[in-house]
Amino acid sequence: MHAPIDSNALATLFSEARTHSAWLDKALPDALLEQLYDHVRLGPTAVNSCPARFVFVRSAEGKQKLAPCLSKGNLDKTLAAPVTVIVAYDEDFPETLPELFRHADARSWYAGQPALITENALRNSSLQAGYLILAARALGLDCGPMSGFDDKALNEAFFAGTTWKSNLLINLGYGDASKLRDRLPRLPFDRACVLA
């Protein structure tokens, strides 16, 4: 059993962390993105399926490819972000299970069940997106997760001819705190939780 993390760490991950839409002009080195993934990949997923796939869009060419897929409200902040992560999922993830989950023949559990594959890929890649947000914050980065894009256009632009499908986008960088709005309210425990 591990000791709880201290209040400073909790503040970094949750209470002081914010969703950013404005970014400082500071590049993220590839080594930092690799370090980020090294943390993300350790988070648990169902049968260690690890269905998420991450495209770190950081070049001008990549951003121009992404731009037509974005909603109007997400365009400027995404183009200004040093990196935009396309969090995708691989519908062919069961093929990796003999390597990733050696305890049983988990690949057979998904054979001939495309709806089950998509459901599990979407659920677990969403979980991995959450790990990415927490890992990024732990490494001193700020995040701006979002929907607000045309997934068909994005899949065509980035994943044509593959088994990858887009889930969500996360802008990454060093946020400009001077542009933050007041934190919006959250539901209290008694409205969002049930003790059963």
Foldseek 3Di string as FASTA:
>chain_A
DDDDDDPVLCCLQPVVADAFQAADPDADDPVVVVVLVVQLLPDDAVLSLPFKDKDWQADPVSLVLQQVFAAPVNRPSQNRFRTKIFIKGFLPSLVCNVVRRVPDSVSVVCPPPSVVSVVRRLVRSVVSVSSSQSSLSVVVKHKHKDAGTRQVSVCCSPPPPGRIGTRTMMGIHHHDVVPDDPDDDDDDCVVPHDDD
